[in-house]
Protein backbone atom coordinates (compact mmCIF):
# COMPACT_ATOMS: atom_id res chain seq x y z
CA MET A 1 14.88 14.04 22.14
CA LYS A 2 13.99 17.45 23.54
CA SER A 3 10.52 18.86 22.90
CA ILE A 4 9.88 22.53 22.27
CA ASP A 5 8.28 23.01 25.68
CA MET A 6 11.70 22.23 27.19
CA ALA A 7 13.28 25.24 25.51
CA ASN A 8 13.93 28.52 27.32
CA LEU A 9 11.77 30.72 25.11
CA GLN A 10 12.38 34.32 26.02
CA SER A 11 10.21 36.99 24.44
CA GLY A 12 11.45 37.88 20.97
CA ILE A 13 13.52 34.74 20.44
CA LYS A 14 13.61 33.71 16.78
CA VAL A 15 12.36 30.18 16.15
CA PHE A 16 12.78 28.37 12.83
CA VAL A 17 9.87 25.94 12.45
CA ARG A 18 10.29 23.28 9.77
CA GLY A 19 6.62 22.48 9.12
CA ASP A 20 4.76 20.19 6.76
CA LEU A 21 3.43 22.65 4.19
CA ASP A 22 3.09 20.10 1.38
CA VAL A 23 -0.64 20.43 0.76
CA ALA A 24 -2.66 20.20 -2.43
CA ILE A 25 -3.07 23.55 -4.19
CA GLU A 26 -5.46 24.15 -7.07
CA ASN A 27 -5.65 27.51 -8.82
CA GLY A 28 -3.90 29.12 -5.89
CA VAL A 29 -6.36 27.71 -3.35
CA ILE A 30 -5.60 25.20 -0.58
CA LYS A 31 -7.64 22.06 -1.25
CA GLU A 32 -7.10 20.38 2.11
CA THR A 33 -5.53 21.73 5.34
CA PHE A 34 -4.90 18.52 7.31
CA ARG A 35 -1.11 18.87 7.46
CA LEU A 36 -1.24 22.60 8.18
CA ASP A 37 -3.72 22.04 11.01
CA ARG A 38 -1.38 19.58 12.68
CA LEU A 39 1.25 22.31 12.89
CA LEU A 40 -0.97 24.65 14.91
CA PRO A 41 -0.26 23.39 18.46
CA THR A 42 3.43 24.21 18.00
CA LEU A 43 2.80 27.56 16.32
CA ASN A 44 0.24 28.64 18.91
CA TYR A 45 2.59 27.66 21.73
CA LEU A 46 5.36 29.79 20.23
CA LYS A 47 2.96 32.67 19.75
CA GLU A 48 1.94 32.48 23.42
CA LYS A 49 5.63 32.69 24.34
CA SER A 50 6.00 35.83 22.17
CA ALA A 51 8.56 34.15 19.95
CA LYS A 52 9.35 35.46 16.48
CA ILE A 53 8.25 32.60 14.24
CA VAL A 54 9.92 31.69 10.95
CA ILE A 55 7.87 29.06 9.11
CA ALA A 56 9.59 26.98 6.43
CA GLY A 57 8.70 23.99 4.28
CA HIS A 58 8.09 22.83 0.75
CA ILE A 59 5.22 22.20 -1.63
CA GLY A 60 5.62 19.53 -4.33
CA ARG A 61 8.77 18.57 -6.22
CA PRO A 62 9.84 21.56 -8.30
CA GLN A 63 13.27 20.05 -9.03
CA GLU A 64 11.59 17.24 -10.97
CA ASN A 65 10.25 19.74 -13.51
CA LYS A 66 6.86 19.67 -11.85
CA GLU A 67 4.78 22.73 -11.14
CA ARG A 68 6.57 25.32 -9.00
CA ILE A 69 4.18 26.38 -6.27
CA SER A 70 5.16 29.19 -3.94
CA THR A 71 4.55 28.71 -0.24
CA GLN A 72 3.19 32.26 -0.24
CA VAL A 73 -0.19 30.83 -1.30
CA LEU A 74 -0.41 29.69 2.34
CA LEU A 75 -0.21 33.22 3.74
CA PRO A 76 -4.00 33.66 4.12
CA TYR A 77 -4.17 30.46 6.19
CA PHE A 78 -1.40 31.48 8.58
CA ASN A 79 -2.57 35.09 8.73
CA ALA A 80 -5.96 33.88 9.94
CA ILE A 81 -4.36 31.74 12.65
CA LEU A 82 -1.39 33.77 13.84
CA GLY A 83 -2.27 37.28 12.78
CA GLU A 84 -0.90 39.26 9.88
CA GLY A 85 2.71 40.37 10.25
CA THR A 86 3.43 38.21 13.32
CA PHE A 87 5.54 35.62 11.48
CA GLU A 88 7.78 35.11 8.46
CA LEU A 89 6.90 32.50 5.85
CA LEU A 90 9.92 31.45 3.80
CA GLU A 91 9.74 30.61 0.11
CA ASN A 92 9.42 26.96 -0.98
CA LEU A 93 12.67 25.38 0.26
CA ARG A 94 12.81 23.03 -2.71
CA PHE A 95 13.17 25.96 -5.08
CA SER A 96 16.83 25.74 -4.02
CA ILE A 97 18.83 22.70 -5.12
CA GLY A 98 20.64 22.97 -1.79
CA GLU A 99 17.59 21.67 0.09
CA GLU A 100 17.36 18.17 -1.36
CA ALA A 101 21.15 17.98 -1.81
CA ASN A 102 21.55 18.63 1.93
CA ASN A 103 24.06 21.36 1.14
CA LEU A 104 25.58 22.51 4.42
CA GLU A 105 26.10 26.07 3.21
CA PHE A 106 22.38 26.26 2.39
CA ALA A 107 21.54 24.78 5.79
CA LYS A 108 23.84 27.31 7.48
CA SER A 109 22.19 30.20 5.63
CA LEU A 110 18.79 29.01 6.84
CA SER A 111 20.05 28.64 10.41
CA GLU A 112 21.14 32.28 10.44
CA LYS A 113 17.47 33.30 10.32
CA ALA A 114 16.79 32.07 13.86
CA ASP A 115 18.10 31.32 17.35
CA ILE A 116 16.64 27.83 17.71
CA TYR A 117 15.27 25.14 15.37
CA VAL A 118 12.07 23.11 15.69
CA ASN A 119 11.25 20.14 13.48
CA ASP A 120 7.50 19.55 13.29
CA CYS A 121 7.51 17.86 9.90
CA PHE A 122 7.30 14.11 10.44
CA GLY A 123 6.30 13.54 6.80
CA THR A 124 9.76 14.55 5.56
CA CYS A 125 11.84 13.07 8.38
CA HIS A 126 12.88 10.18 6.15
CA ARG A 127 14.67 12.63 3.81
CA LYS A 128 18.27 13.72 4.38
CA HIS A 129 17.49 17.29 3.34
CA ALA A 130 19.14 20.50 4.53
CA SER A 131 16.12 21.72 6.51
CA ILE A 132 15.72 18.32 8.18
CA VAL A 133 19.23 17.10 9.03
CA GLY A 134 21.42 20.08 8.16
CA ILE A 135 20.12 22.95 10.28
CA PRO A 136 20.32 21.00 13.59
CA LYS A 137 24.12 21.06 13.16
CA PHE A 138 24.08 24.84 13.64
CA LEU A 139 21.27 25.58 16.12
CA PRO A 140 19.86 24.27 19.40
CA HIS A 141 17.12 21.93 18.19
CA TYR A 142 13.81 20.60 19.43
CA ALA A 143 10.90 18.46 18.32
CA GLY A 144 7.53 20.07 17.72
CA PHE A 145 4.38 18.72 19.35
CA ASP A 146 3.09 16.93 16.26
CA LEU A 147 6.39 15.21 15.59
CA LEU A 148 6.37 13.90 19.15
CA ASN A 149 2.74 12.82 18.75
CA GLU A 150 3.68 10.84 15.63
CA ILE A 151 6.51 9.05 17.40
CA ILE A 152 4.39 8.16 20.42
CA ASN A 153 1.50 6.77 18.40
CA LEU A 154 3.45 4.96 15.69
CA SER A 155 5.74 3.34 18.25
CA LYS A 156 2.69 1.49 19.57
CA VAL A 157 2.84 -0.84 16.57
CA PHE A 158 6.52 -1.74 16.73
CA ASN A 159 5.24 -5.05 18.07
CA PRO A 160 1.79 -5.23 16.48
CA ALA A 161 -0.99 -7.55 17.51
CA HIS A 162 -1.47 -10.24 14.87
CA PRO A 163 -2.85 -10.81 12.34
CA PHE A 164 -1.12 -7.64 11.15
CA VAL A 165 -2.31 -6.38 7.75
CA ALA A 166 -0.57 -3.62 5.79
CA ILE A 167 -2.41 -1.89 2.93
CA ILE A 168 -0.16 -0.09 0.46
CA GLY A 169 -1.39 2.06 -2.41
CA GLY A 170 -0.27 5.02 -4.44
CA ALA A 171 1.84 5.42 -7.56
CA LYS A 172 5.48 5.54 -6.40
CA LEU A 173 6.66 1.92 -6.66
CA GLU A 174 10.34 2.86 -6.63
CA THR A 175 10.05 4.44 -3.18
CA LYS A 176 7.64 1.94 -1.65
CA LYS A 177 9.05 -1.35 -2.98
CA PRO A 178 11.91 -1.56 -0.42
CA ILE A 179 9.48 -0.84 2.41
CA ILE A 180 6.98 -3.40 1.08
CA LYS A 181 9.75 -6.01 1.14
CA GLU A 182 10.51 -5.15 4.75
CA LEU A 183 6.82 -5.24 5.68
CA LEU A 184 6.50 -8.72 4.20
CA ASN A 185 8.80 -9.91 6.98
CA ILE A 186 6.64 -8.55 9.79
CA ALA A 187 3.08 -8.43 8.40
CA ASP A 188 0.81 -11.42 7.95
CA TYR A 189 -0.47 -9.86 4.73
CA VAL A 190 0.48 -6.89 2.56
CA LEU A 191 -2.41 -5.80 0.34
CA VAL A 192 -1.32 -3.70 -2.63
CA GLY A 193 -3.41 -1.41 -4.83
CA GLY A 194 -3.01 1.73 -6.89
CA LYS A 195 -0.43 1.92 -9.66
CA ILE A 196 2.03 0.03 -7.47
CA GLY A 197 -0.08 -3.10 -7.92
CA MET A 198 0.29 -2.88 -11.70
CA ASP A 199 4.02 -2.18 -11.84
CA TRP A 200 5.39 -4.95 -9.59
CA ASN A 201 7.86 -7.04 -11.63
CA GLU A 202 9.34 -9.49 -9.14
CA ASP A 203 8.37 -12.80 -7.57
CA VAL A 204 5.27 -12.57 -5.41
CA PRO A 205 5.43 -14.09 -1.89
CA GLU A 206 2.31 -15.79 -0.54
CA ASN A 207 1.52 -12.94 1.85
CA LEU A 208 1.74 -10.25 -0.86
CA ILE A 209 -1.76 -9.82 -2.29
CA PHE A 210 -2.38 -7.95 -5.54
CA PRO A 211 -5.70 -6.89 -7.09
CA ILE A 212 -7.67 -9.66 -8.78
CA ASP A 213 -9.66 -7.23 -10.90
CA TYR A 214 -9.99 -3.52 -11.59
CA ALA A 215 -12.71 -0.98 -12.23
CA ARG A 216 -12.93 0.80 -15.59
CA GLU A 217 -9.58 2.00 -17.01
CA LYS A 218 -7.83 0.34 -14.09
CA LYS A 219 -8.41 3.48 -12.05
CA ASP A 220 -9.69 1.60 -8.99
CA ILE A 221 -9.65 -1.87 -7.51
CA GLY A 222 -12.57 -4.07 -8.62
CA VAL A 223 -15.39 -5.84 -6.81
CA GLN A 224 -13.56 -9.18 -6.46
CA THR A 225 -10.49 -7.43 -5.09
CA VAL A 226 -12.55 -5.56 -2.50
CA GLU A 227 -14.09 -8.87 -1.42
CA LYS A 228 -10.65 -10.52 -1.12
CA PHE A 229 -9.17 -7.59 0.79
CA THR A 230 -12.22 -7.44 3.07
CA GLU A 231 -11.95 -11.15 3.90
CA ILE A 232 -8.35 -10.67 5.05
CA ILE A 233 -8.94 -7.37 6.87
CA LEU A 234 -11.91 -8.61 8.91
CA ASN A 235 -9.58 -11.04 10.71
CA ALA A 236 -6.91 -8.43 11.45
CA LYS A 237 -5.90 -7.16 14.89
CA THR A 238 -3.67 -4.36 13.53
CA VAL A 239 -4.07 -2.51 10.23
CA LEU A 240 -1.58 -0.10 8.71
CA TRP A 241 -2.66 1.79 5.57
CA ALA A 242 -0.53 4.07 3.40
CA GLY A 243 -1.56 5.39 0.00
CA PRO A 244 -4.82 5.40 -1.99
CA LEU A 245 -6.02 2.29 -3.86
CA GLY A 246 -7.53 4.21 -6.78
CA VAL A 247 -7.65 7.54 -8.58
CA TYR A 248 -9.50 9.11 -5.69
CA GLU A 249 -9.62 12.56 -7.28
CA GLU A 250 -12.54 11.21 -9.35
CA ASP A 251 -15.35 10.15 -7.02
CA GLU A 252 -16.32 7.09 -9.05
CA PHE A 253 -12.82 5.68 -8.56
CA ASN A 254 -12.72 6.32 -4.82
CA LYS A 255 -15.15 3.50 -4.04
CA GLY A 256 -12.41 0.97 -3.31
CA ASN A 257 -10.94 3.24 -0.64
CA MET A 258 -14.34 3.71 0.98
CA LEU A 259 -15.20 0.01 1.04
CA VAL A 260 -11.80 -1.03 2.35
CA ALA A 261 -12.03 1.63 5.06
CA LYS A 262 -15.41 0.24 6.05
CA ALA A 263 -13.84 -3.23 6.39
CA VAL A 264 -11.07 -1.82 8.59
CA PHE A 265 -13.60 -0.35 11.02
CA GLU A 266 -15.71 -3.52 11.06
CA SER A 267 -12.63 -5.56 11.93
CA GLY A 268 -12.18 -3.72 15.22
CA ALA A 269 -8.43 -3.72 14.62
CA TYR A 270 -6.06 -1.03 15.89
CA SER A 271 -5.78 1.11 12.76
CA ILE A 272 -3.27 3.63 11.50
CA LEU A 273 -3.65 5.65 8.31
CA GLY A 274 -0.91 7.71 6.68
CA GLY A 275 -0.02 9.74 3.62
CA GLY A 276 -1.56 12.83 2.06
CA GLY A 277 -3.25 10.92 -0.76
CA ILE A 278 -5.30 8.51 1.29
CA VAL A 279 -6.12 11.17 3.88
CA ALA A 280 -7.46 13.38 1.08
CA ALA A 281 -9.35 10.43 -0.41
CA LEU A 282 -11.21 9.57 2.79
CA ASN A 283 -11.72 13.23 3.64
CA LYS A 284 -13.61 14.02 0.43
CA PRO A 285 -17.17 15.23 1.07
CA ALA A 286 -18.58 12.13 -0.63
CA CYS A 287 -16.74 10.01 1.95
CA ALA A 288 -16.34 12.01 5.12
CA GLY A 289 -19.77 13.59 5.06
CA ARG A 290 -21.56 10.28 4.78
CA LEU A 291 -19.38 7.91 6.76
CA GLY A 292 -17.04 10.03 8.90
CA LEU A 293 -14.23 7.77 7.75
CA LEU A 294 -11.19 9.60 9.07
CA SER A 295 -12.53 9.96 12.59
CA LYS A 296 -12.73 6.19 12.97
CA PHE A 297 -9.00 5.49 12.61
CA ASN A 298 -7.05 5.16 15.85
CA PHE A 299 -4.29 7.41 14.50
CA ILE A 300 -3.71 9.39 11.32
CA SER A 301 -0.11 10.12 10.37
CA THR A 302 0.93 13.10 8.28
CA GLY A 303 3.52 10.90 6.62
CA GLY A 304 3.18 8.12 4.06
CA GLY A 305 6.70 7.02 3.18
CA ALA A 306 8.02 8.40 6.47
CA MET A 307 5.44 6.43 8.43
CA LEU A 308 6.29 3.17 6.68
CA GLU A 309 10.03 3.67 7.04
CA TYR A 310 9.72 4.56 10.72
CA LEU A 311 7.66 1.46 11.47
CA VAL A 312 10.23 -0.74 9.75
CA LYS A 313 13.45 0.94 10.96
CA HIS A 314 12.22 2.44 14.27
CA THR A 315 14.05 5.68 13.47
CA LEU A 316 14.46 8.26 10.69
CA PRO A 317 17.24 10.67 9.64
CA GLY A 318 15.25 13.65 10.92
CA ILE A 319 14.78 12.01 14.31
CA GLU A 320 18.46 11.09 14.50
CA ALA A 321 19.38 14.71 13.73
CA LEU A 322 17.34 15.89 16.72
CA ASN A 323 18.97 13.30 18.96
CA ASN A 324 22.50 14.22 17.86
CA ASN A 325 24.70 17.32 17.91
CA GLY A 326 24.01 18.24 21.52
């Protein structure tokens, strides 16, 4: 895979950067900039080379009848970093059905906006979408610095030190169940929380651990569950965590995340955290300000599902697209 610093970037060359723009927006305001910040090394490098930057990405899932959020709400952020008028920010790619359908005509139309393509969006590399696997068919293509950083760090746990404990939370059982099943074959324990823990409807292997109890309204894991999870985690040598264990948006239901994070640090295990939800949960002022939780993980991935799939399969469609087609 070629990295962007291997490209011959002449002044004025147009560069299409597929970034991870999927951040939480509330009343038109960015709630958390973690994913955007990770894009900056690539953007700043291109700026230094006097490239014409075209930034593209998505926010949310507008095709599922969810709120349609324009990427233009991110303009103030990029203006402050790159300078007003020095780049082009495309509209939310998922506003077009061609994006998620991986329509080649849509991919070709996007490719016509630039001379080369850079993928710096690890969090969507597990999706066969037009801006991830389609555009590389039409343009010289490179990996951005953050994508490379993800691959280097996550590859360290292809052969994890044992006991290896995976912690899986969140609400999307249908997307995480296949990965959980794969993890059960390589992890000593898989600890499950969030809505996923309530919706499981299959046989439960011995190394798949569900919550014993819940906090009020089942919005967080309970005291006994925290104790059980902590007992397992304290013996771990490697910990992988994707997805929040409670409704972290409400501080009183973010306690499980905080206590489990504390156990991870006390274990001394090599720890990897991934997914926008759990990053936001541990980055809330009530957590980060008091405990500095995020800074204590060995690596934080911008991807949740992508991280899990990469660790199980050792590759992703977006990575394959960069390795193929010349």
